[in-house]
């Protein structure tokens, strides 16, 4: 392979360096196609992983954000846009922490473990395990990028892995019956599972933070009631739901798990899914935006918020530890310079022109390298949505 600095490349990367070592399984690559303002697709493949398949990600007005799964050790990453190709190395190592995050999917003793979702959606326990595992990888990636952006290094929490060194999610069968679980409050469920998990046969219980999802969340408004309009009304008709984090346990319902991506190639389409939730049938937990993508953004972002509480993080005026998690999708998707054909709330519309994902169509690479480092770069500013290039409150995501 020819040295990158000797080759002029049209594919430019902003947030990682050739040969860099990262500690997350699914790094985010932010970049653009120089001298290009067109839409299209860019393909990424990990040539070092025999199981890796080339995945196409959208290029929006010349800009892109892609995710690529890494194996431990050296990874040869190949990006292709038209005839242009960029090849570079990334190394992945596990964080050298004794403590780790343990994803768990909780099933009642007399239940089949299927979560609620629309017709045609795979809501099986295996589907849940896959979605939660991928969700854990995405919040791990966000944490790494956010800390790096704020000058603290690309560090992140460690996810429990299996024998193949891949992130995993456990299936845990509780001793609670379905009827009993759905009659309990969120606080009572948190207390019960905190005790039950610590008395379980899991190993290393004192070394983990539990990242848990309850399969038995059910939303069912009476047929004769008006269309639910407030979040309070929605919660009134929802059983087996909570979003609580503290101590060693972050606990969530699964009312919007059906909107989450199960596979990496689904991430972009799920984060841009403009179908609307039918509140007569399914739970809407999207900060009143109602779209599938908004339920995914709020649900996944809120899971990091609650996990943050287990890391002893308090609420903050802005960002993930406030309501910044509602915009979590914008970390992984490219927004157009001129917002069009995109559902937005009144609040997000008011700030979108100030913080929507910028572009940098420069005249050429900095120092001849495709890995740009100009602090004047607008794209560089948007690795994590709306964050300034200075040290700020940990986990700050956006000015909301």
Protein backbone atom coordinates (compact mmCIF):
# COMPACT_ATOMS: atom_id res chain seq x y z
CA UNK A 1 0.00 0.00 0.00
CA UNK A 2 1.38 3.43 -0.91
CA UNK A 3 1.88 5.88 1.90
CA UNK A 4 -1.10 8.13 2.34
CA UNK A 5 0.88 11.34 2.45
CA UNK A 6 2.20 10.69 -1.07
CA UNK A 7 -1.21 10.21 -2.60
CA UNK A 8 -3.76 12.98 -3.19
CA UNK A 9 -7.11 11.53 -2.13
CA UNK A 10 -10.53 13.03 -2.71
CA UNK A 11 -12.01 11.13 0.23
CA UNK A 12 -11.13 13.07 3.39
CA UNK A 13 -11.50 11.95 7.01
CA UNK A 14 -11.67 14.46 9.89
CA UNK A 15 -11.86 12.69 13.20
CA UNK A 16 -9.37 9.78 13.06
CA UNK A 17 -5.76 9.41 11.97
CA UNK A 18 -4.18 6.66 9.92
CA UNK A 19 -2.77 4.11 12.38
CA UNK A 20 -4.75 5.42 15.36
CA UNK A 21 -5.70 3.11 18.22
CA UNK A 22 -9.32 3.22 19.37
CA UNK A 23 -11.13 1.49 22.22
CA UNK A 24 -14.65 1.19 20.84
CA UNK A 25 -15.97 -1.59 18.62
CA UNK A 26 -17.81 0.58 16.10
CA UNK A 27 -15.95 3.84 15.41
CA UNK A 28 -17.60 6.73 13.60
CA UNK A 29 -15.76 8.12 10.57
CA UNK A 30 -16.65 11.72 9.68
CA UNK A 31 -15.53 13.21 6.39
CA UNK A 32 -16.34 14.59 2.99
CA UNK A 33 -15.53 14.26 -0.69
CA UNK A 34 -13.45 17.31 -1.55
CA UNK A 35 -14.76 19.57 -4.29
CA UNK A 36 -18.07 17.67 -4.22
CA UNK A 37 -21.53 18.87 -3.21
CA UNK A 38 -23.49 15.97 -4.66
CA UNK A 39 -25.48 13.24 -2.99
CA UNK A 40 -24.38 9.65 -3.45
CA UNK A 41 -23.07 6.65 -1.56
CA UNK A 42 -19.72 5.68 -0.09
CA UNK A 43 -18.79 2.08 0.59
CA UNK A 44 -16.76 0.98 3.61
CA UNK A 45 -15.29 -2.45 4.33
CA UNK A 46 -12.91 -3.79 6.95
CA UNK A 47 -10.51 -5.78 4.77
CA UNK A 48 -8.92 -7.37 7.84
CA UNK A 49 -12.14 -9.08 8.87
CA UNK A 50 -13.10 -12.05 6.67
CA UNK A 51 -16.70 -11.71 7.85
CA UNK A 52 -16.92 -8.01 6.97
CA UNK A 53 -19.19 -7.10 4.08
CA UNK A 54 -19.03 -3.81 2.24
CA UNK A 55 -21.72 -1.44 3.52
CA UNK A 56 -22.95 1.63 1.66
CA UNK A 57 -23.59 4.88 3.53
CA UNK A 58 -25.18 8.04 2.11
CA UNK A 59 -23.12 11.01 1.03
CA UNK A 60 -25.17 14.17 1.54
CA UNK A 61 -23.99 17.25 -0.33
CA UNK A 62 -20.48 15.79 -0.31
CA UNK A 63 -20.39 14.96 3.41
CA UNK A 64 -20.62 11.55 5.08
CA UNK A 65 -20.66 9.74 8.40
CA UNK A 66 -20.00 6.01 8.38
CA UNK A 67 -19.57 3.29 10.98
CA UNK A 68 -17.26 0.31 10.63
CA UNK A 69 -16.93 -2.62 13.01
CA UNK A 70 -13.39 -3.43 14.11
CA UNK A 71 -11.83 -6.65 15.28
CA UNK A 72 -9.21 -6.54 17.99
CA UNK A 73 -5.78 -5.57 16.70
CA UNK A 74 -5.03 -4.17 13.24
CA UNK A 75 -7.87 -3.29 10.86
CA UNK A 76 -7.38 -2.25 7.26
CA UNK A 77 -10.28 0.05 6.35
CA UNK A 78 -11.21 0.67 2.72
CA UNK A 79 -13.49 3.54 1.64
CA UNK A 80 -14.68 3.79 -1.95
CA UNK A 81 -16.60 6.62 -3.62
CA UNK A 82 -16.93 6.23 -7.36
CA UNK A 83 -13.39 5.64 -8.60
CA UNK A 84 -11.78 7.18 -5.53
CA UNK A 85 -10.40 4.86 -2.85
CA UNK A 86 -8.94 5.60 0.58
CA UNK A 87 -7.20 2.85 2.55
CA UNK A 88 -5.96 3.31 6.09
CA UNK A 89 -5.33 1.40 9.31
CA UNK A 90 -7.09 1.51 12.65
CA UNK A 91 -6.13 -0.53 15.69
CA UNK A 92 -8.67 -1.59 18.28
CA UNK A 93 -7.79 -2.51 21.83
CA UNK A 94 -10.04 -3.19 24.79
CA UNK A 95 -10.03 -0.51 27.48
CA UNK A 96 -7.80 -1.65 30.33
CA UNK A 97 -10.60 -1.37 32.86
CA UNK A 98 -11.66 -3.89 35.46
CA UNK A 99 -15.19 -2.47 35.37
CA UNK A 100 -17.54 -2.95 32.43
CA UNK A 101 -21.10 -2.42 31.19
CA UNK A 102 -23.26 -5.56 31.06
CA UNK A 103 -26.27 -5.43 28.67
CA UNK A 104 -29.18 -7.62 29.81
CA UNK A 105 -32.61 -8.44 28.38
CA UNK A 106 -35.06 -9.39 31.15
CA UNK A 107 -37.89 -11.90 30.59
CA UNK A 108 -40.59 -12.90 33.08
CA UNK A 109 -40.64 -16.53 34.17
CA UNK A 110 -43.98 -17.29 32.45
CA UNK A 111 -43.53 -15.13 29.32
CA UNK A 112 -42.08 -15.80 25.85
CA UNK A 113 -39.87 -12.71 25.89
CA UNK A 114 -41.26 -11.02 22.78
CA UNK A 115 -41.34 -7.21 22.97
CA UNK A 116 -44.14 -5.05 21.58
CA UNK A 117 -43.95 -3.84 17.99
CA UNK A 118 -45.91 -3.38 14.76
CA UNK A 119 -46.95 -6.19 12.45
CA UNK A 120 -44.09 -7.45 10.34
CA UNK A 121 -41.35 -6.46 12.83
CA UNK A 122 -39.20 -9.21 14.34
CA UNK A 123 -39.81 -8.77 18.07
CA UNK A 124 -38.25 -12.06 19.18
CA UNK A 125 -35.83 -12.33 22.11
CA UNK A 126 -32.92 -12.81 19.69
CA UNK A 127 -33.91 -9.66 17.84
CA UNK A 128 -33.97 -7.83 21.18
CA UNK A 129 -30.50 -9.10 22.09
CA UNK A 130 -29.14 -7.91 18.74
CA UNK A 131 -30.75 -4.45 19.01
CA UNK A 132 -29.56 -3.89 22.57
CA UNK A 133 -26.03 -5.04 21.74
CA UNK A 134 -25.84 -2.67 18.78
CA UNK A 135 -27.34 0.13 20.89
CA UNK A 136 -24.63 -0.40 23.50
CA UNK A 137 -21.99 -0.15 20.78
CA UNK A 138 -23.48 3.12 19.51
CA UNK A 139 -23.51 4.81 22.91
CA UNK A 140 -19.97 3.53 23.46
CA UNK A 141 -18.99 5.20 20.18
CA UNK A 142 -20.70 8.45 21.11
CA UNK A 143 -18.86 8.50 24.44
CA UNK A 144 -15.50 7.98 22.72
CA UNK A 145 -16.11 10.74 20.15
CA UNK A 146 -17.46 13.17 22.73
CA UNK A 147 -14.53 12.76 25.09
CA UNK A 148 -12.06 13.07 22.21
CA UNK A 149 -13.76 16.21 20.94
CA UNK A 150 -13.51 17.81 24.35
CA UNK A 151 -9.78 17.15 24.56
CA UNK A 152 -9.97 14.20 26.95
CA UNK A 153 -8.83 11.47 24.57
CA UNK A 154 -10.91 8.90 22.72
CA UNK A 155 -11.70 6.81 25.78
CA UNK A 156 -14.94 5.07 26.56
CA UNK A 157 -16.56 2.48 28.78
CA UNK A 158 -16.00 -1.23 28.24
CA UNK A 159 -18.85 -3.50 27.09
CA UNK A 160 -18.88 -7.12 28.21
CA UNK A 161 -17.73 -9.39 25.38
CA UNK A 162 -18.13 -13.04 24.47
CA UNK A 163 -15.42 -15.60 23.66
CA UNK A 164 -15.02 -14.04 20.20
CA UNK A 165 -14.32 -10.66 21.82
CA UNK A 166 -17.58 -9.27 20.43
CA UNK A 167 -20.06 -7.24 22.55
CA UNK A 168 -22.90 -9.32 23.92
CA UNK A 169 -26.25 -9.06 25.67
CA UNK A 170 -27.40 -11.60 28.24
CA UNK A 171 -30.91 -13.02 28.42
CA UNK A 172 -32.04 -13.14 32.05
CA UNK A 173 -35.18 -14.96 33.14
CA UNK A 174 -36.64 -13.29 36.21
CA UNK A 175 -38.66 -15.05 38.88
CA UNK A 176 -41.36 -12.39 38.47
CA UNK A 177 -44.55 -13.44 36.71
CA UNK A 178 -45.79 -11.32 33.85
CA UNK A 179 -48.89 -10.26 35.77
CA UNK A 180 -46.89 -9.21 38.79
CA UNK A 181 -44.26 -7.33 36.76
CA UNK A 182 -46.84 -5.34 34.83
CA UNK A 183 -48.57 -4.31 38.06
CA UNK A 184 -45.41 -2.78 39.55
CA UNK A 185 -44.26 0.83 39.35
CA UNK A 186 -41.01 1.78 37.68
CA UNK A 187 -39.32 2.36 41.02
CA UNK A 188 -40.48 -0.99 42.36
CA UNK A 189 -39.22 -2.74 39.22
CA UNK A 190 -35.83 -1.05 39.60
CA UNK A 191 -35.57 -2.14 43.24
CA UNK A 192 -36.64 -5.69 42.45
CA UNK A 193 -34.25 -6.24 39.55
CA UNK A 194 -31.36 -4.55 41.34
CA UNK A 195 -31.69 -7.14 44.08
CA UNK A 196 -32.50 -10.09 41.80
CA UNK A 197 -29.54 -9.47 39.50
CA UNK A 198 -27.10 -9.15 42.39
CA UNK A 199 -28.39 -12.45 43.80
CA UNK A 200 -28.16 -14.19 40.42
CA UNK A 201 -25.48 -16.56 39.12
CA UNK A 202 -23.77 -13.88 37.00
CA UNK A 203 -20.06 -13.57 37.68
CA UNK A 204 -18.17 -10.34 38.37
CA UNK A 205 -21.33 -8.69 39.67
CA UNK A 206 -19.38 -6.14 41.69
CA UNK A 207 -17.42 -5.08 38.61
CA UNK A 208 -20.27 -4.25 36.23
CA UNK A 209 -22.88 -1.62 35.54
CA UNK A 210 -26.14 -3.27 34.50
CA UNK A 211 -27.67 -1.93 31.25
CA UNK A 212 -31.06 -3.68 31.35
CA UNK A 213 -34.22 -3.78 29.24
CA UNK A 214 -37.57 -5.29 30.26
CA UNK A 215 -39.26 -7.37 27.56
CA UNK A 216 -42.73 -7.05 29.06
CA UNK A 217 -43.44 -3.35 28.42
CA UNK A 218 -46.95 -3.09 26.95
CA UNK A 219 -48.87 -0.07 25.72
CA UNK A 220 -52.61 -0.56 25.34
CA UNK A 221 -55.01 2.39 25.44
CA UNK A 222 -58.71 1.54 25.72
CA UNK A 223 -60.49 1.51 22.37
CA UNK A 224 -63.07 4.03 23.52
CA UNK A 225 -60.65 6.76 24.67
CA UNK A 226 -59.61 9.75 22.53
CA UNK A 227 -56.28 9.72 20.73
CA UNK A 228 -53.64 10.12 23.50
CA UNK A 229 -52.11 13.60 23.23
CA UNK A 230 -49.82 13.97 26.24
CA UNK A 231 -46.90 11.93 27.48
CA UNK A 232 -48.75 11.50 30.75
CA UNK A 233 -51.66 9.89 28.95
CA UNK A 234 -49.29 7.57 27.09
CA UNK A 235 -47.64 6.45 30.33
CA UNK A 236 -51.08 5.94 31.88
CA UNK A 237 -51.77 3.22 29.32
CA UNK A 238 -48.29 1.63 29.54
CA UNK A 239 -47.38 -1.25 31.83
CA UNK A 240 -43.90 -2.52 32.66
CA UNK A 241 -42.12 0.68 31.71
CA UNK A 242 -39.48 2.86 33.30
CA UNK A 243 -36.28 4.75 32.53
CA UNK A 244 -34.27 4.85 35.74
CA UNK A 245 -30.55 4.82 36.38
CA UNK A 246 -28.42 5.00 39.48
CA UNK A 247 -26.14 2.93 41.66
CA UNK A 248 -25.21 -0.01 39.46
CA UNK A 249 -28.39 -0.37 37.40
CA UNK A 250 -29.84 1.44 34.38
CA UNK A 251 -33.30 0.01 33.65
CA UNK A 252 -35.56 0.64 30.65
CA UNK A 253 -38.81 -0.41 29.09
CA UNK A 254 -38.92 -1.70 25.52
CA UNK A 255 -41.89 0.28 24.20
CA UNK A 256 -39.82 1.75 21.37
CA UNK A 257 -37.25 -1.04 20.92
CA UNK A 258 -38.95 -1.97 17.64
CA UNK A 259 -37.64 1.31 16.16
CA UNK A 260 -34.00 0.45 16.95
CA UNK A 261 -31.59 -0.94 14.38
CA UNK A 262 -30.81 -4.63 14.69
CA UNK A 263 -27.92 -4.62 12.21
CA UNK A 264 -25.27 -2.04 11.33
CA UNK A 265 -26.60 -1.60 7.79
CA UNK A 266 -29.97 -0.54 9.25
CA UNK A 267 -28.64 2.31 11.39
CA UNK A 268 -29.03 5.12 8.87
CA UNK A 269 -32.45 4.04 7.63
CA UNK A 270 -33.70 3.69 11.21
CA UNK A 271 -32.36 7.09 12.23
CA UNK A 272 -34.15 8.66 9.23
CA UNK A 273 -37.38 6.62 9.30
CA UNK A 274 -40.18 9.16 8.78
CA UNK A 275 -43.06 6.80 9.50
CA UNK A 276 -45.28 8.06 12.30
CA UNK A 277 -46.18 6.09 15.39
CA UNK A 278 -49.88 5.31 15.67
CA UNK A 279 -50.57 6.22 19.30
CA UNK A 280 -53.72 4.13 19.27
CA UNK A 281 -51.53 1.04 18.90
CA UNK A 282 -47.92 1.75 19.91
CA UNK A 283 -46.18 3.74 22.61
CA UNK A 284 -44.72 7.07 21.49
CA UNK A 285 -41.76 8.26 23.56
CA UNK A 286 -40.22 10.82 21.21
CA UNK A 287 -40.62 14.24 22.87
CA UNK A 288 -43.87 14.74 20.93
CA UNK A 289 -42.31 14.26 17.50
CA UNK A 290 -44.08 10.91 16.89
CA UNK A 291 -41.77 9.68 14.12
CA UNK A 292 -40.03 6.33 14.24
CA UNK A 293 -36.60 8.01 13.98
CA UNK A 294 -37.46 10.26 16.93
CA UNK A 295 -38.42 7.27 19.09
CA UNK A 296 -35.10 5.65 18.22
CA UNK A 297 -33.14 8.83 19.00
CA UNK A 298 -34.90 9.51 22.29
CA UNK A 299 -34.90 5.88 23.40
CA UNK A 300 -31.23 5.20 22.69
CA UNK A 301 -30.09 8.61 23.91
CA UNK A 302 -32.09 8.25 27.11
CA UNK A 303 -30.46 4.88 27.74
CA UNK A 304 -27.07 6.63 27.76
CA UNK A 305 -28.52 9.31 30.05
CA UNK A 306 -29.60 6.70 32.58
CA UNK A 307 -26.35 4.77 32.23
CA UNK A 308 -24.62 8.09 32.91
CA UNK A 309 -26.33 8.19 36.29
CA UNK A 310 -24.71 4.84 37.15
CA UNK A 311 -21.38 6.57 36.38
CA UNK A 312 -22.31 9.14 39.08
CA UNK A 313 -23.15 11.85 36.54
CA UNK A 314 -25.76 14.35 37.69
CA UNK A 315 -28.18 16.31 35.53
CA UNK A 316 -26.69 19.23 33.59
CA UNK A 317 -28.27 22.33 32.00
CA UNK A 318 -27.73 20.95 28.50
CA UNK A 319 -26.60 17.82 26.74
CA UNK A 320 -27.01 14.09 27.31
CA UNK A 321 -27.52 14.58 31.04
CA UNK A 322 -30.35 17.01 30.21
CA UNK A 323 -32.62 16.51 27.16
CA UNK A 324 -29.88 16.62 24.54
CA UNK A 325 -30.43 12.92 23.98
CA UNK A 326 -33.53 13.72 21.92
CA UNK A 327 -31.14 14.74 19.12
CA UNK A 328 -29.00 11.61 19.37
CA UNK A 329 -29.67 10.67 15.74
CA UNK A 330 -27.79 13.75 14.54
CA UNK A 331 -24.52 12.34 15.86
CA UNK A 332 -24.69 9.54 13.27
CA UNK A 333 -26.44 11.21 10.32
CA UNK A 334 -25.61 14.08 7.99
CA UNK A 335 -28.01 17.04 7.99
CA UNK A 336 -28.40 19.18 4.88
CA UNK A 337 -27.16 22.75 4.89
CA UNK A 338 -30.66 23.91 4.00
CA UNK A 339 -33.10 21.78 5.96
CA UNK A 340 -35.76 20.40 3.67
CA UNK A 341 -38.07 17.43 3.57
CA UNK A 342 -37.17 16.63 7.17
CA UNK A 343 -39.59 16.53 10.11
CA UNK A 344 -38.46 18.88 12.84
CA UNK A 345 -39.99 20.14 16.05
CA UNK A 346 -40.47 23.85 16.60
CA UNK A 347 -37.64 23.78 19.11
CA UNK A 348 -35.17 21.99 16.87
CA UNK A 349 -36.14 24.16 13.89
CA UNK A 350 -35.26 27.25 15.86
CA UNK A 351 -31.71 26.02 16.41
CA UNK A 352 -31.11 23.90 13.33
CA UNK A 353 -29.63 26.71 11.25
CA UNK A 354 -27.10 27.38 13.99
CA UNK A 355 -26.02 23.82 14.61
CA UNK A 356 -27.10 21.69 11.65
CA UNK A 357 -24.33 19.57 10.24
CA UNK A 358 -21.93 21.84 8.32
CA UNK A 359 -19.77 21.01 5.30
CA UNK A 360 -16.15 21.67 4.52
CA UNK A 361 -15.41 21.59 0.80
CA UNK A 362 -11.80 22.72 1.00
CA UNK A 363 -9.36 23.31 -1.82
CA UNK A 364 -7.18 20.44 -0.75
CA UNK A 365 -5.99 18.24 2.12
CA UNK A 366 -4.08 19.81 4.99
CA UNK A 367 -0.38 18.89 4.70
CA UNK A 368 -1.22 16.58 1.83
CA UNK A 369 -3.10 14.16 4.12
CA UNK A 370 -6.69 12.97 3.73
CA UNK A 371 -7.03 13.26 7.51
CA UNK A 372 -7.88 16.96 7.89
CA UNK A 373 -7.19 18.89 11.07
CA UNK A 374 -8.14 22.53 10.41
CA UNK A 375 -9.89 24.09 13.42
CA UNK A 376 -11.64 26.38 10.96
CA UNK A 377 -13.35 23.31 9.57
CA UNK A 378 -17.08 23.40 10.16
CA UNK A 379 -17.31 19.65 9.75
CA UNK A 380 -14.77 19.17 12.51
CA UNK A 381 -17.08 21.13 14.80
CA UNK A 382 -19.94 18.72 14.28
CA UNK A 383 -18.48 15.35 15.23
CA UNK A 384 -20.95 15.48 18.11
CA UNK A 385 -23.96 17.59 17.30
CA UNK A 386 -23.59 21.20 18.29
CA UNK A 387 -20.57 20.83 20.55
CA UNK A 388 -17.93 23.59 20.51
CA UNK A 389 -14.23 22.79 20.13
CA UNK A 390 -13.32 23.32 23.78
CA UNK A 391 -13.57 21.42 27.04
CA UNK A 392 -17.09 21.61 28.38
CA UNK A 393 -19.36 19.58 30.62
CA UNK A 394 -18.86 15.87 30.05
CA UNK A 395 -21.39 14.36 27.67
CA UNK A 396 -22.59 17.74 26.39
CA UNK A 397 -24.35 16.99 23.11
CA UNK A 398 -26.10 20.14 21.97
CA UNK A 399 -27.41 23.50 23.07
CA UNK A 400 -31.05 22.72 23.55
